[in-house]
Amino acid sequence: MEGYAAHLHEDAPLWYLTGLLHDIDFQEHPDTHPAPSLQWFKDWGYPDTLIHAVEAHAYGYHGFTTLPQTKLAAALVATDELTGLFYAYRKMNPVRYGEMKAASIKKKFKDPGFAAKIDRGTIELGCQHLGIPLDEHIANLVRYLAPLP
């Protein structure tokens, strides 16, 4: 998220915090996520843009129908599920993020049997709202995650 903030000339700390906290309630409330955290964020006085992004990232789950209306929300929607695909790829191919090949990730994206629970439609929806083609998005994430071990 921080990588996209820099790329789009947005508020990097806000984008980082949104990415860090968007699933804060998932372990305790998987069946209602992110409803509890949305209320927490309101109670704690978090920015409306963060709250909207967290709500939009749940599009299609647990009755949530909010589409991303901001670049922050679109980036979270596009990135959240895709990082799960990156994680699954690393479990099979233990390489650093920076050593991943975007073409290999795209190939796994197209294989519905690989990381079958990853909702590819949500990733594509996020890319549409972000205005970035899927191939470019995958390459961006490889680049943004490259500094990580």
C-alpha atoms as a PDB file:
ATOM      1  CA  MET A   1       0.000   0.000   0.000  1.00  0.00           C
ATOM      2  CA  GLU A   2       2.882   2.306   0.783  1.00  0.00           C
ATOM      3  CA  GLY A   3       4.314   1.619  -2.669  1.00  0.00           C
ATOM      4  CA  TYR A   4       1.066   2.655  -4.316  1.00  0.00           C
ATOM      5  CA  ALA A   5       0.878   5.774  -2.153  1.00  0.00           C
ATOM      6  CA  ALA A   6       4.294   6.839  -3.424  1.00  0.00           C
ATOM      7  CA  HIS A   7       3.401   5.897  -7.017  1.00  0.00           C
ATOM      8  CA  LEU A   8       0.167   7.924  -6.883  1.00  0.00           C
ATOM      9  CA  HIS A   9       1.579  10.790  -4.785  1.00  0.00           C
ATOM     10  CA  GLU A  10      -0.759  10.053  -1.884  1.00  0.00           C
ATOM     11  CA  ASP A  11      -0.445  10.047   1.919  1.00  0.00           C
ATOM     12  CA  ALA A  12       2.008   7.172   2.552  1.00  0.00           C
ATOM     13  CA  PRO A  13       1.415   6.892   6.343  1.00  0.00           C
ATOM     14  CA  LEU A  14      -2.377   6.720   5.813  1.00  0.00           C
ATOM     15  CA  TRP A  15      -2.031   4.109   3.083  1.00  0.00           C
ATOM     16  CA  TYR A  16       0.415   2.085   5.188  1.00  0.00           C
ATOM     17  CA  LEU A  17      -1.900   2.223   8.201  1.00  0.00           C
ATOM     18  CA  THR A  18      -4.895   1.198   6.094  1.00  0.00           C
ATOM     19  CA  GLY A  19      -3.029  -1.820   4.765  1.00  0.00           C
ATOM     20  CA  LEU A  20      -1.780  -2.734   8.216  1.00  0.00           C
ATOM     21  CA  LEU A  21      -5.124  -2.459  10.036  1.00  0.00           C
ATOM     22  CA  HIS A  22      -7.732  -3.476   7.453  1.00  0.00           C
ATOM     23  CA  ASP A  23      -8.067  -7.030   8.841  1.00  0.00           C
ATOM     24  CA  ILE A  24      -7.674  -6.128  12.541  1.00  0.00           C
ATOM     25  CA  ASP A  25     -10.922  -7.886  13.503  1.00  0.00           C
ATOM     26  CA  PHE A  26     -10.647 -10.933  11.238  1.00  0.00           C
ATOM     27  CA  GLN A  27      -9.247 -13.444  13.759  1.00  0.00           C
ATOM     28  CA  GLU A  28     -11.914 -12.727  16.386  1.00  0.00           C
ATOM     29  CA  HIS A  29     -14.831 -11.995  14.041  1.00  0.00           C
ATOM     30  CA  PRO A  30     -14.325 -13.894  10.768  1.00  0.00           C
ATOM     31  CA  ASP A  31     -18.064 -14.225  10.141  1.00  0.00           C
ATOM     32  CA  THR A  32     -18.824 -10.505  10.463  1.00  0.00           C
ATOM     33  CA  HIS A  33     -15.518  -8.968   9.337  1.00  0.00           C
ATOM     34  CA  PRO A  34     -15.044  -6.041   8.828  1.00  0.00           C
ATOM     35  CA  ALA A  35     -18.174  -4.785  10.615  1.00  0.00           C
ATOM     36  CA  PRO A  36     -16.575  -4.703  14.097  1.00  0.00           C
ATOM     37  CA  SER A  37     -13.482  -2.867  12.914  1.00  0.00           C
ATOM     38  CA  LEU A  38     -15.536  -0.334  10.970  1.00  0.00           C
ATOM     39  CA  GLN A  39     -17.222   0.626  14.235  1.00  0.00           C
ATOM     40  CA  TRP A  40     -13.900   0.653  16.083  1.00  0.00           C
ATOM     41  CA  PHE A  41     -12.350   2.948  13.494  1.00  0.00           C
ATOM     42  CA  LYS A  42     -15.328   5.330  13.785  1.00  0.00           C
ATOM     43  CA  ASP A  43     -15.134   5.258  17.587  1.00  0.00           C
ATOM     44  CA  TRP A  44     -11.390   5.907  17.484  1.00  0.00           C
ATOM     45  CA  GLY A  45     -11.778   8.852  15.106  1.00  0.00           C
ATOM     46  CA  TYR A  46      -9.940   7.317  12.161  1.00  0.00           C
ATOM     47  CA  PRO A  47     -10.228   9.093   8.791  1.00  0.00           C
ATOM     48  CA  ASP A  48     -13.313   8.452   6.694  1.00  0.00           C
ATOM     49  CA  THR A  49     -11.082   7.484   3.764  1.00  0.00           C
ATOM     50  CA  LEU A  50      -9.570   4.629   5.803  1.00  0.00           C
ATOM     51  CA  ILE A  51     -13.015   3.497   6.959  1.00  0.00           C
ATOM     52  CA  HIS A  52     -14.346   3.531   3.391  1.00  0.00           C
ATOM     53  CA  ALA A  53     -11.340   1.546   2.131  1.00  0.00           C
ATOM     54  CA  VAL A  54     -11.782  -1.114   4.823  1.00  0.00           C
ATOM     55  CA  GLU A  55     -15.490  -1.401   4.023  1.00  0.00           C
ATOM     56  CA  ALA A  56     -14.871  -1.548   0.268  1.00  0.00           C
ATOM     57  CA  HIS A  57     -12.254  -4.290   0.661  1.00  0.00           C
ATOM     58  CA  ALA A  58     -15.082  -6.541   1.895  1.00  0.00           C
ATOM     59  CA  TYR A  59     -17.109  -6.109  -1.298  1.00  0.00           C
ATOM     60  CA  GLY A  60     -19.030  -9.304  -1.955  1.00  0.00           C
ATOM     61  CA  TYR A  61     -18.487 -10.771   1.524  1.00  0.00           C
ATOM     62  CA  HIS A  62     -20.892 -10.855   4.487  1.00  0.00           C
ATOM     63  CA  GLY A  63     -23.394  -8.661   2.658  1.00  0.00           C
ATOM     64  CA  PHE A  64     -21.009  -5.766   1.975  1.00  0.00           C
ATOM     65  CA  THR A  65     -21.761  -3.992  -1.300  1.00  0.00           C
ATOM     66  CA  THR A  66     -19.637  -0.850  -1.048  1.00  0.00           C
ATOM     67  CA  LEU A  67     -17.562  -0.328  -4.168  1.00  0.00           C
ATOM     68  CA  PRO A  68     -14.228   1.507  -3.945  1.00  0.00           C
ATOM     69  CA  GLN A  69     -14.762   5.239  -4.492  1.00  0.00           C
ATOM     70  CA  THR A  70     -11.196   6.387  -3.787  1.00  0.00           C
ATOM     71  CA  LYS A  71      -7.749   5.383  -4.990  1.00  0.00           C
ATOM     72  CA  LEU A  72      -6.984   4.186  -1.441  1.00  0.00           C
ATOM     73  CA  ALA A  73      -9.994   1.869  -1.431  1.00  0.00           C
ATOM     74  CA  ALA A  74      -9.279   0.620  -4.955  1.00  0.00           C
ATOM     75  CA  ALA A  75      -5.645  -0.114  -4.097  1.00  0.00           C
ATOM     76  CA  LEU A  76      -6.680  -2.071  -0.995  1.00  0.00           C
ATOM     77  CA  VAL A  77      -9.253  -4.083  -2.951  1.00  0.00           C
ATOM     78  CA  ALA A  78      -6.740  -4.807  -5.721  1.00  0.00           C
ATOM     79  CA  THR A  79      -3.908  -5.659  -3.355  1.00  0.00           C
ATOM     80  CA  ASP A  80      -5.448  -7.573  -0.440  1.00  0.00           C
ATOM     81  CA  GLU A  81      -6.365 -10.798  -2.228  1.00  0.00           C
ATOM     82  CA  LEU A  82      -3.367 -10.641  -4.553  1.00  0.00           C
ATOM     83  CA  THR A  83      -0.935 -10.660  -1.638  1.00  0.00           C
ATOM     84  CA  GLY A  84      -2.569 -13.957  -0.648  1.00  0.00           C
ATOM     85  CA  LEU A  85      -1.645 -15.316  -4.061  1.00  0.00           C
ATOM     86  CA  PHE A  86       1.932 -14.077  -3.548  1.00  0.00           C
ATOM     87  CA  TYR A  87       2.008 -15.854  -0.195  1.00  0.00           C
ATOM     88  CA  ALA A  88       0.787 -19.125  -1.726  1.00  0.00           C
ATOM     89  CA  TYR A  89       3.356 -18.781  -4.528  1.00  0.00           C
ATOM     90  CA  ARG A  90       6.147 -18.364  -1.963  1.00  0.00           C
ATOM     91  CA  LYS A  91       5.008 -21.486  -0.116  1.00  0.00           C
ATOM     92  CA  MET A  92       5.637 -23.483  -3.302  1.00  0.00           C
ATOM     93  CA  ASN A  93       8.646 -21.463  -4.509  1.00  0.00           C
ATOM     94  CA  PRO A  94      10.592 -20.138  -1.521  1.00  0.00           C
ATOM     95  CA  VAL A  95      12.136 -17.093  -3.163  1.00  0.00           C
ATOM     96  CA  ARG A  96      12.333 -13.491  -2.036  1.00  0.00           C
ATOM     97  CA  TYR A  97       9.561 -11.245  -3.292  1.00  0.00           C
ATOM     98  CA  GLY A  98      12.047  -9.348  -5.430  1.00  0.00           C
ATOM     99  CA  GLU A  99      13.043 -12.598  -7.157  1.00  0.00           C
ATOM    100  CA  MET A 100       9.494 -13.386  -8.222  1.00  0.00           C
ATOM    101  CA  LYS A 101       8.628 -13.036 -11.867  1.00  0.00           C
ATOM    102  CA  ALA A 102       5.437 -11.150 -12.647  1.00  0.00           C
ATOM    103  CA  ALA A 103       4.733 -13.586 -15.495  1.00  0.00           C
ATOM    104  CA  SER A 104       4.862 -16.524 -13.057  1.00  0.00           C
ATOM    105  CA  ILE A 105       2.412 -14.810 -10.711  1.00  0.00           C
ATOM    106  CA  LYS A 106       0.109 -14.029 -13.638  1.00  0.00           C
ATOM    107  CA  LYS A 107       0.235 -17.687 -14.692  1.00  0.00           C
ATOM    108  CA  LYS A 108      -0.802 -18.745 -11.175  1.00  0.00           C
ATOM    109  CA  PHE A 109      -3.510 -16.074 -11.207  1.00  0.00           C
ATOM    110  CA  LYS A 110      -4.990 -17.678 -14.333  1.00  0.00           C
ATOM    111  CA  ASP A 111      -4.937 -21.153 -12.736  1.00  0.00           C
ATOM    112  CA  PRO A 112      -8.167 -21.435 -10.713  1.00  0.00           C
ATOM    113  CA  GLY A 113      -6.826 -24.519  -8.940  1.00  0.00           C
ATOM    114  CA  PHE A 114      -3.903 -22.582  -7.480  1.00  0.00           C
ATOM    115  CA  ALA A 115      -4.821 -20.865  -4.206  1.00  0.00           C
ATOM    116  CA  ALA A 116      -8.432 -21.592  -5.100  1.00  0.00           C
ATOM    117  CA  LYS A 117      -9.878 -19.483  -2.283  1.00  0.00           C
ATOM    118  CA  ILE A 118      -8.314 -16.314  -3.682  1.00  0.00           C
ATOM    119  CA  ASP A 119     -11.087 -14.285  -5.320  1.00  0.00           C
ATOM    120  CA  ARG A 120      -9.614 -13.215  -8.635  1.00  0.00           C
ATOM    121  CA  GLY A 121     -12.718 -11.173  -9.452  1.00  0.00           C
ATOM    122  CA  THR A 122     -12.101  -8.937  -6.450  1.00  0.00           C
ATOM    123  CA  ILE A 123      -8.531  -8.300  -7.589  1.00  0.00           C
ATOM    124  CA  GLU A 124      -9.749  -7.407 -11.079  1.00  0.00           C
ATOM    125  CA  LEU A 125     -12.447  -5.131  -9.623  1.00  0.00           C
ATOM    126  CA  GLY A 126      -9.810  -3.299  -7.607  1.00  0.00           C
ATOM    127  CA  CYS A 127      -7.572  -2.936 -10.666  1.00  0.00           C
ATOM    128  CA  GLN A 128     -10.485  -1.524 -12.674  1.00  0.00           C
ATOM    129  CA  HIS A 129     -11.237   1.092 -10.019  1.00  0.00           C
ATOM    130  CA  LEU A 130      -7.546   1.860  -9.594  1.00  0.00           C
ATOM    131  CA  GLY A 131      -7.150   2.296 -13.339  1.00  0.00           C
ATOM    132  CA  ILE A 132      -4.177  -0.060 -13.549  1.00  0.00           C
ATOM    133  CA  PRO A 133      -4.133  -3.196 -15.729  1.00  0.00           C
ATOM    134  CA  LEU A 134      -3.679  -6.491 -13.899  1.00  0.00           C
ATOM    135  CA  ASP A 135      -0.266  -7.203 -15.447  1.00  0.00           C
ATOM    136  CA  GLU A 136       1.017  -3.803 -14.339  1.00  0.00           C
ATOM    137  CA  HIS A 137      -0.497  -4.286 -10.874  1.00  0.00           C
ATOM    138  CA  ILE A 138       1.271  -7.620 -10.436  1.00  0.00           C
ATOM    139  CA  ALA A 139       4.577  -6.099 -11.580  1.00  0.00           C
ATOM    140  CA  ASN A 140       4.043  -3.163  -9.207  1.00  0.00           C
ATOM    141  CA  LEU A 141       3.527  -5.485  -6.250  1.00  0.00           C
ATOM    142  CA  VAL A 142       6.633  -7.485  -7.103  1.00  0.00           C
ATOM    143  CA  ARG A 143       8.543  -4.202  -7.077  1.00  0.00           C
ATOM    144  CA  TYR A 144       6.865  -2.813  -3.925  1.00  0.00           C
ATOM    145  CA  LEU A 145       7.417  -6.037  -1.989  1.00  0.00           C
ATOM    146  CA  ALA A 146      11.004  -6.562  -3.237  1.00  0.00           C
ATOM    147  CA  PRO A 147      12.662  -5.040  -0.130  1.00  0.00           C
ATOM    148  CA  LEU A 148      10.953  -7.603   2.120  1.00  0.00           C
ATOM    149  CA  PRO A 149      12.751 -10.829   3.023  1.00  0.00           C
END
